[in-house]
Amino acid sequence: MQQSSKENILNKIRQALVKPVPVPFPERSTTESVYLPSTQDLELEFAENFTKLQGRFSFCANGNELVNQLNELSATRGWNKIICKEDKLLQLLSANGFSQLNETVNLHDCDAAITSCESLVARTGSIILSSANESGRTHSVYAPIHICIAFTSQLVYDISGAINKVKEKYGNNLPSLISLATGPSRTADIEKTLVVGVHGPKEVFCFLVDA
């Protein structure tokens, strides 16, 4: 009986798992970064790369400045349905007088969602997110505007540094999802025209607080 294409693929996967392919050039295996070290502060490098990808970056000296900038942004945009589900961020925002959060609005009706992150990758301007955060998988994806609040202590140079941070934090209990958000989603599949925000938030803000 002739096997289907699906069965052929599954058989090949099973064979590969039984006999894993050896690592090519094992003598060159190393844990050192393959990238040249950064020539500038990680804060500046992240800001440059993040904004190149149409992300909106702001540096805050402390929690009070963070709230002042958030208040100004929400007033300018006319946002009155901002949600945040993370206790530590709620405490930080509340302690500094941020009163724009709406506890009754649902995610699909909100103007913007505020989340934390695992780390920031300076070399690529990426935000590392995980399902272990209280916001879970949804807030950074389904809200029309994603606002990420991060701290300078979370900056790393490259992705390997970000993965190491996750391993140090969670040990053997890694989150079920670890993702990289590198600016707003974009696609040029439709008639080769670049469209931003088609698979996620239309805008991504990152407020970096000096820690």
N, C-alpha and C. Protein backbone atom coordinates (compact mmCIF):
# COMPACT_ATOMS: atom_id res chain seq x y z
N MET A 1 0.85 -1.19 0.00
CA MET A 1 0.00 0.00 0.00
C MET A 1 0.89 1.25 0.00
N GLN A 2 0.60 2.19 -0.89
CA GLN A 2 1.43 3.36 -1.02
C GLN A 2 1.17 4.32 0.14
N GLN A 3 2.27 4.81 0.70
CA GLN A 3 2.15 5.73 1.82
C GLN A 3 1.78 7.13 1.32
N SER A 4 1.04 7.84 2.16
CA SER A 4 0.70 9.22 1.84
C SER A 4 1.91 10.13 2.09
N SER A 5 1.85 11.32 1.57
CA SER A 5 2.93 12.30 1.77
C SER A 5 3.12 12.59 3.26
N LYS A 6 2.02 12.67 3.99
CA LYS A 6 2.09 12.94 5.42
C LYS A 6 2.83 11.81 6.14
N GLU A 7 2.52 10.56 5.80
CA GLU A 7 3.18 9.42 6.44
C GLU A 7 4.67 9.39 6.10
N ASN A 8 5.02 9.74 4.87
CA ASN A 8 6.44 9.80 4.49
C ASN A 8 7.20 10.81 5.32
N ILE A 9 6.59 11.97 5.50
CA ILE A 9 7.23 13.02 6.29
C ILE A 9 7.40 12.59 7.73
N LEU A 10 6.35 11.98 8.31
CA LEU A 10 6.43 11.53 9.71
C LEU A 10 7.48 10.44 9.88
N ASN A 11 7.61 9.54 8.91
CA ASN A 11 8.63 8.50 8.97
C ASN A 11 10.03 9.10 8.96
N LYS A 12 10.23 10.12 8.13
CA LYS A 12 11.54 10.77 8.06
C LYS A 12 11.87 11.48 9.38
N ILE A 13 10.85 12.07 9.99
CA ILE A 13 11.07 12.72 11.28
C ILE A 13 11.45 11.69 12.34
N ARG A 14 10.75 10.54 12.34
CA ARG A 14 11.06 9.50 13.31
C ARG A 14 12.49 8.99 13.13
N GLN A 15 12.91 8.80 11.88
CA GLN A 15 14.27 8.33 11.60
C GLN A 15 15.30 9.35 12.05
N ALA A 16 14.99 10.62 11.84
CA ALA A 16 15.92 11.67 12.25
C ALA A 16 16.08 11.72 13.76
N LEU A 17 14.98 11.47 14.48
CA LEU A 17 15.04 11.48 15.94
C LEU A 17 15.85 10.29 16.46
N VAL A 18 15.77 9.16 15.79
CA VAL A 18 16.52 7.97 16.20
C VAL A 18 18.01 8.14 15.90
N LYS A 19 18.31 8.71 14.74
CA LYS A 19 19.70 8.92 14.34
C LYS A 19 19.92 10.40 14.07
N PRO A 20 20.18 11.17 15.14
CA PRO A 20 20.35 12.62 14.95
C PRO A 20 21.58 12.93 14.09
N VAL A 21 21.48 13.98 13.32
CA VAL A 21 22.58 14.41 12.46
C VAL A 21 23.68 15.01 13.33
N PRO A 22 24.92 14.59 13.14
CA PRO A 22 26.01 15.14 13.95
C PRO A 22 26.20 16.63 13.69
N VAL A 23 26.70 17.33 14.70
CA VAL A 23 26.95 18.77 14.57
C VAL A 23 28.10 18.99 13.60
N PRO A 24 27.91 19.81 12.55
CA PRO A 24 29.02 20.06 11.62
C PRO A 24 30.10 20.90 12.28
N PHE A 25 31.35 20.61 11.92
CA PHE A 25 32.50 21.35 12.45
C PHE A 25 32.49 21.43 13.98
N PRO A 26 32.46 20.29 14.67
CA PRO A 26 32.39 20.33 16.14
C PRO A 26 33.57 21.05 16.77
N GLU A 27 34.70 21.06 16.08
CA GLU A 27 35.88 21.72 16.65
C GLU A 27 35.68 23.23 16.75
N ARG A 28 34.67 23.75 16.03
CA ARG A 28 34.42 25.18 16.06
C ARG A 28 33.27 25.55 16.99
N SER A 29 32.71 24.56 17.67
CA SER A 29 31.61 24.84 18.59
C SER A 29 32.10 25.73 19.72
N THR A 30 31.33 26.75 20.04
CA THR A 30 31.73 27.69 21.08
C THR A 30 30.49 28.34 21.68
N THR A 31 30.60 28.78 22.91
CA THR A 31 29.51 29.50 23.56
C THR A 31 29.70 31.01 23.43
N GLU A 32 30.81 31.42 22.83
CA GLU A 32 31.07 32.84 22.67
C GLU A 32 30.20 33.42 21.56
N SER A 33 29.87 34.70 21.68
CA SER A 33 29.05 35.36 20.67
C SER A 33 29.81 35.44 19.35
N VAL A 34 29.09 35.24 18.25
CA VAL A 34 29.71 35.33 16.93
C VAL A 34 29.72 36.77 16.43
N TYR A 35 29.10 37.68 17.18
CA TYR A 35 29.02 39.08 16.75
C TYR A 35 30.11 39.91 17.40
N LEU A 36 30.52 40.95 16.72
CA LEU A 36 31.47 41.89 17.30
C LEU A 36 30.81 42.59 18.48
N PRO A 37 31.57 42.89 19.52
CA PRO A 37 30.97 43.56 20.69
C PRO A 37 30.45 44.94 20.32
N SER A 38 29.48 45.39 21.09
CA SER A 38 28.88 46.69 20.83
C SER A 38 29.89 47.80 21.08
N THR A 39 29.84 48.83 20.27
CA THR A 39 30.75 49.97 20.41
C THR A 39 30.09 51.14 21.12
N GLN A 40 28.84 50.98 21.57
CA GLN A 40 28.13 52.05 22.26
C GLN A 40 27.28 51.46 23.38
N ASP A 41 26.71 52.32 24.19
CA ASP A 41 25.86 51.85 25.29
C ASP A 41 24.69 51.05 24.75
N LEU A 42 24.31 50.01 25.50
CA LEU A 42 23.21 49.15 25.05
C LEU A 42 21.90 49.92 24.92
N GLU A 43 21.69 50.90 25.80
CA GLU A 43 20.47 51.70 25.72
C GLU A 43 20.36 52.40 24.38
N LEU A 44 21.48 53.01 23.95
CA LEU A 44 21.49 53.74 22.69
C LEU A 44 21.35 52.80 21.50
N GLU A 45 22.05 51.66 21.55
CA GLU A 45 21.98 50.72 20.44
C GLU A 45 20.57 50.14 20.29
N PHE A 46 19.96 49.80 21.42
CA PHE A 46 18.59 49.29 21.34
C PHE A 46 17.66 50.35 20.76
N ALA A 47 17.77 51.59 21.25
CA ALA A 47 16.89 52.66 20.79
C ALA A 47 17.03 52.88 19.29
N GLU A 48 18.26 52.87 18.78
CA GLU A 48 18.48 53.08 17.35
C GLU A 48 17.87 51.96 16.52
N ASN A 49 18.12 50.72 16.92
CA ASN A 49 17.62 49.58 16.14
C ASN A 49 16.10 49.43 16.27
N PHE A 50 15.57 49.71 17.44
CA PHE A 50 14.13 49.60 17.66
C PHE A 50 13.37 50.63 16.83
N THR A 51 13.87 51.86 16.80
CA THR A 51 13.17 52.91 16.05
C THR A 51 13.33 52.70 14.54
N LYS A 52 14.42 52.09 14.10
CA LYS A 52 14.57 51.78 12.67
C LYS A 52 13.47 50.83 12.20
N LEU A 53 12.94 50.03 13.12
CA LEU A 53 11.90 49.06 12.80
C LEU A 53 10.50 49.62 13.07
N GLN A 54 10.40 50.94 13.16
CA GLN A 54 9.14 51.65 13.39
C GLN A 54 8.61 51.48 14.81
N GLY A 55 9.47 51.04 15.73
CA GLY A 55 9.08 51.05 17.13
C GLY A 55 9.21 52.45 17.68
N ARG A 56 8.49 52.76 18.74
CA ARG A 56 8.53 54.10 19.36
C ARG A 56 9.17 53.97 20.74
N PHE A 57 10.30 54.62 20.90
CA PHE A 57 11.13 54.44 22.10
C PHE A 57 11.13 55.70 22.95
N SER A 58 11.15 55.48 24.27
CA SER A 58 11.27 56.59 25.20
C SER A 58 12.08 56.16 26.41
N PHE A 59 13.02 56.99 26.84
CA PHE A 59 13.83 56.69 28.02
C PHE A 59 13.28 57.48 29.20
N CYS A 60 13.17 56.81 30.35
CA CYS A 60 12.64 57.45 31.55
C CYS A 60 13.64 57.30 32.69
N ALA A 61 13.92 58.39 33.37
CA ALA A 61 14.90 58.36 34.45
C ALA A 61 14.37 57.62 35.68
N ASN A 62 13.04 57.61 35.86
CA ASN A 62 12.44 56.96 37.04
C ASN A 62 10.96 56.72 36.77
N GLY A 63 10.29 56.17 37.77
CA GLY A 63 8.87 55.85 37.62
C GLY A 63 8.01 57.08 37.44
N ASN A 64 8.37 58.19 38.08
CA ASN A 64 7.59 59.42 37.95
C ASN A 64 7.64 59.95 36.53
N GLU A 65 8.83 59.92 35.93
CA GLU A 65 8.95 60.37 34.54
C GLU A 65 8.22 59.42 33.60
N LEU A 66 8.23 58.14 33.91
CA LEU A 66 7.49 57.17 33.11
C LEU A 66 6.01 57.52 33.07
N VAL A 67 5.43 57.79 34.23
CA VAL A 67 4.00 58.10 34.31
C VAL A 67 3.69 59.43 33.62
N ASN A 68 4.58 60.42 33.77
CA ASN A 68 4.36 61.70 33.08
C ASN A 68 4.30 61.50 31.57
N GLN A 69 5.20 60.67 31.05
CA GLN A 69 5.21 60.43 29.61
C GLN A 69 3.99 59.62 29.16
N LEU A 70 3.58 58.66 29.97
CA LEU A 70 2.39 57.88 29.65
C LEU A 70 1.13 58.75 29.67
N ASN A 71 1.05 59.64 30.66
CA ASN A 71 -0.09 60.55 30.73
C ASN A 71 -0.15 61.46 29.50
N GLU A 72 1.00 61.97 29.11
CA GLU A 72 1.05 62.86 27.94
C GLU A 72 0.66 62.10 26.67
N LEU A 73 1.17 60.86 26.55
CA LEU A 73 0.85 60.05 25.37
C LEU A 73 -0.63 59.73 25.30
N SER A 74 -1.21 59.27 26.42
CA SER A 74 -2.63 58.90 26.42
C SER A 74 -3.52 60.11 26.18
N ALA A 75 -3.12 61.29 26.68
CA ALA A 75 -3.91 62.50 26.45
C ALA A 75 -3.84 62.92 24.99
N THR A 76 -2.65 62.83 24.40
CA THR A 76 -2.47 63.21 22.99
C THR A 76 -3.26 62.29 22.08
N ARG A 77 -3.24 60.98 22.39
CA ARG A 77 -3.93 60.01 21.53
C ARG A 77 -5.42 59.87 21.87
N GLY A 78 -5.85 60.41 22.99
CA GLY A 78 -7.24 60.27 23.38
C GLY A 78 -7.59 58.88 23.89
N TRP A 79 -6.62 58.21 24.51
CA TRP A 79 -6.86 56.87 25.03
C TRP A 79 -7.53 56.94 26.40
N ASN A 80 -8.59 56.23 26.59
CA ASN A 80 -9.20 56.11 27.92
C ASN A 80 -9.52 54.67 28.27
N LYS A 81 -9.03 53.74 27.44
CA LYS A 81 -9.26 52.31 27.69
C LYS A 81 -7.91 51.58 27.60
N ILE A 82 -7.06 51.85 28.58
CA ILE A 82 -5.74 51.21 28.65
C ILE A 82 -5.80 50.11 29.70
N ILE A 83 -5.29 48.94 29.37
CA ILE A 83 -5.34 47.82 30.31
C ILE A 83 -3.93 47.35 30.67
N CYS A 84 -3.82 46.81 31.87
CA CYS A 84 -2.59 46.20 32.36
C CYS A 84 -2.98 45.17 33.40
N LYS A 85 -2.42 43.97 33.31
CA LYS A 85 -2.81 42.88 34.20
C LYS A 85 -1.65 42.41 35.09
N GLU A 86 -0.56 43.16 35.12
CA GLU A 86 0.63 42.71 35.85
C GLU A 86 0.79 43.49 37.15
N ASP A 87 0.81 42.77 38.27
CA ASP A 87 0.81 43.41 39.59
C ASP A 87 1.97 44.37 39.81
N LYS A 88 3.18 43.97 39.42
CA LYS A 88 4.34 44.84 39.65
C LYS A 88 4.24 46.14 38.87
N LEU A 89 3.77 46.05 37.63
CA LEU A 89 3.59 47.26 36.84
C LEU A 89 2.45 48.12 37.40
N LEU A 90 1.39 47.47 37.84
CA LEU A 90 0.27 48.21 38.43
C LEU A 90 0.72 48.98 39.67
N GLN A 91 1.55 48.35 40.49
CA GLN A 91 2.07 49.01 41.69
C GLN A 91 2.95 50.20 41.31
N LEU A 92 3.81 50.01 40.32
CA LEU A 92 4.70 51.09 39.87
C LEU A 92 3.89 52.26 39.32
N LEU A 93 2.92 51.97 38.47
CA LEU A 93 2.12 53.03 37.86
C LEU A 93 1.25 53.74 38.89
N SER A 94 0.64 52.96 39.78
CA SER A 94 -0.23 53.55 40.80
C SER A 94 0.56 54.42 41.77
N ALA A 95 1.75 53.96 42.16
CA ALA A 95 2.57 54.71 43.11
C ALA A 95 3.02 56.06 42.56
N ASN A 96 3.03 56.17 41.22
CA ASN A 96 3.47 57.43 40.60
C ASN A 96 2.32 58.21 39.97
N GLY A 97 1.09 57.80 40.31
CA GLY A 97 -0.07 58.62 39.97
C GLY A 97 -0.68 58.40 38.60
N PHE A 98 -0.45 57.24 38.00
CA PHE A 98 -1.06 56.98 36.69
C PHE A 98 -2.50 56.50 36.91
N SER A 99 -3.44 57.23 36.33
CA SER A 99 -4.85 56.94 36.59
C SER A 99 -5.64 56.63 35.32
N GLN A 100 -4.94 56.29 34.23
CA GLN A 100 -5.62 56.06 32.96
C GLN A 100 -6.01 54.61 32.73
N LEU A 101 -5.68 53.73 33.67
CA LEU A 101 -6.01 52.32 33.48
C LEU A 101 -7.50 52.08 33.65
N ASN A 102 -8.03 51.18 32.85
CA ASN A 102 -9.46 50.86 32.88
C ASN A 102 -9.60 49.38 33.23
N GLU A 103 -10.11 49.10 34.42
CA GLU A 103 -10.20 47.72 34.89
C GLU A 103 -11.40 46.97 34.31
N THR A 104 -12.33 47.69 33.71
CA THR A 104 -13.55 47.04 33.23
C THR A 104 -13.50 46.69 31.75
N VAL A 105 -12.60 47.29 31.00
CA VAL A 105 -12.57 47.07 29.56
C VAL A 105 -11.94 45.71 29.23
N ASN A 106 -12.41 45.08 28.16
CA ASN A 106 -11.85 43.82 27.70
C ASN A 106 -10.72 44.07 26.71
N LEU A 107 -9.93 43.04 26.49
CA LEU A 107 -8.77 43.17 25.61
C LEU A 107 -9.19 43.58 24.20
N HIS A 108 -10.27 43.00 23.68
CA HIS A 108 -10.67 43.29 22.31
C HIS A 108 -11.29 44.67 22.15
N ASP A 109 -11.57 45.37 23.26
CA ASP A 109 -12.14 46.72 23.20
C ASP A 109 -11.15 47.81 23.62
N CYS A 110 -9.96 47.43 24.01
CA CYS A 110 -9.03 48.40 24.60
C CYS A 110 -8.38 49.28 23.54
N ASP A 111 -7.84 50.42 24.00
CA ASP A 111 -7.04 51.29 23.14
C ASP A 111 -5.58 50.84 23.11
N ALA A 112 -5.09 50.35 24.24
CA ALA A 112 -3.69 49.92 24.34
C ALA A 112 -3.54 48.98 25.53
N ALA A 113 -2.53 48.12 25.47
CA ALA A 113 -2.22 47.20 26.57
C ALA A 113 -0.78 47.41 27.01
N ILE A 114 -0.59 47.45 28.32
CA ILE A 114 0.74 47.62 28.90
C ILE A 114 1.23 46.28 29.42
N THR A 115 2.45 45.90 29.05
CA THR A 115 3.04 44.65 29.55
C THR A 115 4.49 44.89 29.94
N SER A 116 5.04 43.90 30.62
CA SER A 116 6.48 43.86 30.88
C SER A 116 7.12 42.99 29.79
N CYS A 117 8.36 42.61 30.00
CA CYS A 117 9.03 41.70 29.05
C CYS A 117 10.11 40.94 29.81
N GLU A 118 10.73 39.99 29.15
CA GLU A 118 11.84 39.25 29.75
C GLU A 118 13.16 40.03 29.60
N SER A 119 13.38 40.57 28.42
CA SER A 119 14.61 41.34 28.17
C SER A 119 14.47 42.11 26.87
N LEU A 120 15.47 42.97 26.62
CA LEU A 120 15.55 43.73 25.38
C LEU A 120 16.87 43.39 24.71
N VAL A 121 16.83 43.10 23.42
CA VAL A 121 18.03 42.74 22.66
C VAL A 121 18.50 43.97 21.89
N ALA A 122 19.64 44.52 22.30
CA ALA A 122 20.11 45.76 21.70
C ALA A 122 20.49 45.60 20.24
N ARG A 123 21.12 44.50 19.88
CA ARG A 123 21.65 44.35 18.53
C ARG A 123 20.56 44.34 17.47
N THR A 124 19.40 43.80 17.79
CA THR A 124 18.32 43.69 16.81
C THR A 124 17.12 44.58 17.14
N GLY A 125 17.14 45.25 18.28
CA GLY A 125 15.98 46.06 18.67
C GLY A 125 14.76 45.23 18.98
N SER A 126 14.96 44.05 19.55
CA SER A 126 13.86 43.10 19.81
C SER A 126 13.44 43.11 21.27
N ILE A 127 12.16 42.84 21.49
CA ILE A 127 11.62 42.65 22.84
C ILE A 127 11.37 41.15 23.02
N ILE A 128 11.93 40.57 24.09
CA ILE A 128 11.73 39.16 24.39
C ILE A 128 10.54 39.03 25.34
N LEU A 129 9.52 38.30 24.89
CA LEU A 129 8.31 38.10 25.68
C LEU A 129 8.14 36.63 25.99
N SER A 130 7.42 36.31 27.05
CA SER A 130 7.16 34.91 27.37
C SER A 130 5.78 34.74 27.97
N SER A 131 5.29 33.52 27.91
CA SER A 131 3.96 33.22 28.46
C SER A 131 3.97 33.21 29.98
N ALA A 132 5.17 33.26 30.59
CA ALA A 132 5.25 33.25 32.05
C ALA A 132 4.87 34.60 32.65
N ASN A 133 4.92 35.68 31.86
CA ASN A 133 4.49 36.97 32.36
C ASN A 133 3.00 36.96 32.63
N GLU A 134 2.56 37.79 33.54
CA GLU A 134 1.14 37.79 33.93
C GLU A 134 0.22 38.15 32.77
N SER A 135 0.75 38.87 31.79
CA SER A 135 -0.06 39.23 30.62
C SER A 135 -0.27 38.03 29.70
N GLY A 136 0.53 36.99 29.90
CA GLY A 136 0.38 35.79 29.10
C GLY A 136 0.75 35.98 27.64
N ARG A 137 0.08 35.24 26.77
CA ARG A 137 0.40 35.25 25.35
C ARG A 137 -0.35 36.35 24.58
N THR A 138 -1.42 36.88 25.16
CA THR A 138 -2.37 37.63 24.34
C THR A 138 -2.16 39.14 24.28
N HIS A 139 -1.82 39.78 25.39
CA HIS A 139 -1.88 41.24 25.45
C HIS A 139 -0.93 41.93 24.48
N SER A 140 0.22 41.34 24.25
CA SER A 140 1.19 41.95 23.34
C SER A 140 0.85 41.71 21.88
N VAL A 141 -0.14 40.87 21.61
CA VAL A 141 -0.48 40.50 20.24
C VAL A 141 -1.82 41.07 19.80
N TYR A 142 -2.84 40.96 20.67
CA TYR A 142 -4.20 41.30 20.26
C TYR A 142 -4.58 42.76 20.48
N ALA A 143 -3.89 43.45 21.37
CA ALA A 143 -4.20 44.87 21.57
C ALA A 143 -3.77 45.68 20.35
N PRO A 144 -4.51 46.73 19.98
CA PRO A 144 -4.12 47.53 18.82
C PRO A 144 -2.81 48.28 19.02
N ILE A 145 -2.51 48.61 20.28
CA ILE A 145 -1.25 49.27 20.63
C ILE A 145 -0.61 48.49 21.77
N HIS A 146 0.65 48.13 21.61
CA HIS A 146 1.38 47.44 22.67
C HIS A 146 2.37 48.40 23.30
N ILE A 147 2.26 48.57 24.61
CA ILE A 147 3.20 49.40 25.37
C ILE A 147 4.00 48.49 26.28
N CYS A 148 5.29 48.41 26.05
CA CYS A 148 6.17 47.57 26.88
C CYS A 148 6.96 48.46 27.83
N ILE A 149 6.93 48.13 29.11
CA ILE A 149 7.74 48.82 30.11
C ILE A 149 8.88 47.90 30.51
N ALA A 150 10.10 48.36 30.29
CA ALA A 150 11.28 47.56 30.60
C ALA A 150 12.26 48.40 31.41
N PHE A 151 13.28 47.72 31.93
CA PHE A 151 14.27 48.40 32.78
C PHE A 151 15.67 48.16 32.21
N THR A 152 16.57 49.10 32.48
CA THR A 152 17.92 49.01 31.91
C THR A 152 18.62 47.72 32.32
N SER A 153 18.24 47.15 33.45
CA SER A 153 18.85 45.90 33.90
C SER A 153 18.46 44.72 33.01
N GLN A 154 17.46 44.91 32.16
CA GLN A 154 16.99 43.84 31.28
C GLN A 154 17.66 43.89 29.90
N LEU A 155 18.53 44.85 29.67
CA LEU A 155 19.19 44.97 28.37
C LEU A 155 20.28 43.92 28.21
N VAL A 156 20.30 43.29 27.06
CA VAL A 156 21.38 42.37 26.68
C VAL A 156 21.81 42.74 25.26
N TYR A 157 22.97 42.25 24.86
CA TYR A 157 23.46 42.63 23.53
C TYR A 157 22.81 41.82 22.42
N ASP A 158 22.80 40.49 22.56
CA ASP A 158 22.28 39.66 21.46
C ASP A 158 21.30 38.62 22.00
N ILE A 159 20.77 37.82 21.10
CA ILE A 159 19.73 36.86 21.47
C ILE A 159 20.25 35.80 22.44
N SER A 160 21.51 35.39 22.29
CA SER A 160 22.05 34.39 23.21
C SER A 160 22.03 34.91 24.64
N GLY A 161 22.30 36.19 24.82
CA GLY A 161 22.23 36.78 26.16
C GLY A 161 20.82 36.76 26.70
N ALA A 162 19.84 36.97 25.82
CA ALA A 162 18.44 36.93 26.25
C ALA A 162 18.03 35.52 26.66
N ILE A 163 18.46 34.52 25.89
CA ILE A 163 18.14 33.13 26.23
C ILE A 163 18.79 32.74 27.56
N ASN A 164 20.01 33.19 27.78
CA ASN A 164 20.68 32.90 29.05
C ASN A 164 19.93 33.52 30.22
N LYS A 165 19.41 34.71 30.03
CA LYS A 165 18.63 35.36 31.10
C LYS A 165 17.38 34.54 31.44
N VAL A 166 16.72 34.05 30.40
CA VAL A 166 15.52 33.23 30.62
C VAL A 166 15.89 31.95 31.37
N LYS A 167 16.98 31.31 30.98
CA LYS A 167 17.41 30.08 31.65
C LYS A 167 17.76 30.34 33.11
N GLU A 168 18.44 31.44 33.37
CA GLU A 168 18.81 31.78 34.75
C GLU A 168 17.57 32.05 35.60
N LYS A 169 16.56 32.66 35.00
CA LYS A 169 15.36 33.04 35.75
C LYS A 169 14.46 31.84 36.04
N TYR A 170 14.29 30.95 35.04
CA TYR A 170 13.30 29.88 35.17
C TYR A 170 13.91 28.50 35.38
N GLY A 171 15.21 28.34 35.16
CA GLY A 171 15.83 27.03 35.35
C GLY A 171 15.23 25.99 34.42
N ASN A 172 14.81 24.88 35.00
CA ASN A 172 14.22 23.79 34.20
C ASN A 172 12.74 24.01 33.89
N ASN A 173 12.15 25.04 34.47
CA ASN A 173 10.72 25.31 34.25
C ASN A 173 10.56 26.44 33.24
N LEU A 174 11.05 26.21 32.03
CA LEU A 174 11.00 27.24 31.01
C LEU A 174 9.55 27.53 30.61
N PRO A 175 9.24 28.78 30.25
CA PRO A 175 7.89 29.10 29.78
C PRO A 175 7.53 28.30 28.53
N SER A 176 6.24 28.06 28.34
CA SER A 176 5.81 27.29 27.17
C SER A 176 5.96 28.09 25.88
N LEU A 177 6.08 29.41 26.00
CA LEU A 177 6.26 30.26 24.82
C LEU A 177 7.28 31.34 25.12
N ILE A 178 8.28 31.46 24.26
CA ILE A 178 9.24 32.56 24.31
C ILE A 178 9.27 33.15 22.91
N SER A 179 8.98 34.43 22.78
CA SER A 179 8.90 35.03 21.45
C SER A 179 9.69 36.32 21.37
N LEU A 180 10.08 36.68 20.16
CA LEU A 180 10.79 37.92 19.90
C LEU A 180 9.86 38.85 19.12
N ALA A 181 9.63 40.02 19.66
CA ALA A 181 8.84 41.04 18.96
C ALA A 181 9.82 42.10 18.48
N THR A 182 9.99 42.15 17.17
CA THR A 182 10.95 43.09 16.60
C THR A 182 10.18 44.15 15.83
N GLY A 183 9.64 45.12 16.55
CA GLY A 183 8.82 46.16 15.96
C GLY A 183 7.42 45.66 15.63
N PRO A 184 6.56 46.54 15.10
CA PRO A 184 5.22 46.12 14.68
C PRO A 184 5.32 45.07 13.58
N SER A 185 4.34 44.16 13.53
CA SER A 185 4.34 43.15 12.48
C SER A 185 4.20 43.82 11.12
N ARG A 186 4.78 43.19 10.11
CA ARG A 186 4.72 43.77 8.77
C ARG A 186 4.72 42.65 7.73
N THR A 187 4.10 42.91 6.60
CA THR A 187 4.10 41.95 5.51
C THR A 187 4.04 42.69 4.19
N ALA A 188 4.62 42.09 3.16
CA ALA A 188 4.54 42.65 1.80
C ALA A 188 3.96 41.60 0.86
N ASP A 189 3.19 40.67 1.41
CA ASP A 189 2.61 39.59 0.61
C ASP A 189 1.55 40.09 -0.36
N ILE A 190 0.89 41.19 0.01
CA ILE A 190 -0.21 41.70 -0.82
C ILE A 190 0.35 42.68 -1.85
N GLU A 191 0.49 42.21 -3.08
CA GLU A 191 0.95 43.04 -4.19
C GLU A 191 2.26 43.77 -3.87
N LYS A 192 3.11 43.13 -3.08
CA LYS A 192 4.44 43.66 -2.76
C LYS A 192 4.40 45.03 -2.07
N THR A 193 3.27 45.33 -1.43
CA THR A 193 3.12 46.59 -0.71
C THR A 193 3.27 46.33 0.78
N LEU A 194 4.18 47.06 1.43
CA LEU A 194 4.43 46.86 2.85
C LEU A 194 3.25 47.34 3.68
N VAL A 195 2.71 46.44 4.50
CA VAL A 195 1.61 46.77 5.40
C VAL A 195 2.09 46.51 6.82
N VAL A 196 1.90 47.48 7.70
CA VAL A 196 2.37 47.38 9.09
C VAL A 196 1.18 47.10 10.01
N GLY A 197 1.38 46.20 10.96
CA GLY A 197 0.34 45.92 11.95
C GLY A 197 -0.71 44.94 11.51
N VAL A 198 -0.46 44.18 10.45
CA VAL A 198 -1.50 43.29 9.92
C VAL A 198 -1.67 42.04 10.78
N HIS A 199 -0.61 41.58 11.45
CA HIS A 199 -0.68 40.36 12.26
C HIS A 199 -0.55 40.64 13.76
N GLY A 200 -0.65 41.88 14.16
CA GLY A 200 -0.47 42.22 15.56
C GLY A 200 -0.74 43.70 15.77
N PRO A 201 -0.20 44.26 16.85
CA PRO A 201 -0.45 45.68 17.13
C PRO A 201 0.07 46.58 16.01
N LYS A 202 -0.64 47.68 15.78
CA LYS A 202 -0.24 48.61 14.73
C LYS A 202 0.95 49.46 15.16
N GLU A 203 1.11 49.62 16.46
CA GLU A 203 2.25 50.37 17.00
C GLU A 203 2.78 49.66 18.24
N VAL A 204 4.10 49.74 18.43
CA VAL A 204 4.74 49.17 19.61
C VAL A 204 5.57 50.27 20.27
N PHE A 205 5.28 50.54 21.54
CA PHE A 205 6.03 51.52 22.31
C PHE A 205 6.89 50.78 23.33
N CYS A 206 8.09 51.27 23.55
CA CYS A 206 8.94 50.73 24.60
C CYS A 206 9.40 51.89 25.49
N PHE A 207 9.01 51.84 26.74
CA PHE A 207 9.46 52.81 27.74
C PHE A 207 10.54 52.14 28.58
N LEU A 208 11.76 52.63 28.45
CA LEU A 208 12.89 52.05 29.17
C LEU A 208 13.17 52.89 30.40
N VAL A 209 13.03 52.27 31.57
CA VAL A 209 13.19 52.97 32.85
C VAL A 209 14.58 52.68 33.41
N ASP A 210 15.27 53.72 33.81
CA ASP A 210 16.61 53.55 34.37
C ASP A 210 16.52 52.82 35.71
N ALA A 211 17.25 51.70 35.79
CA ALA A 211 17.20 50.90 37.03
C ALA A 211 18.61 50.78 37.58
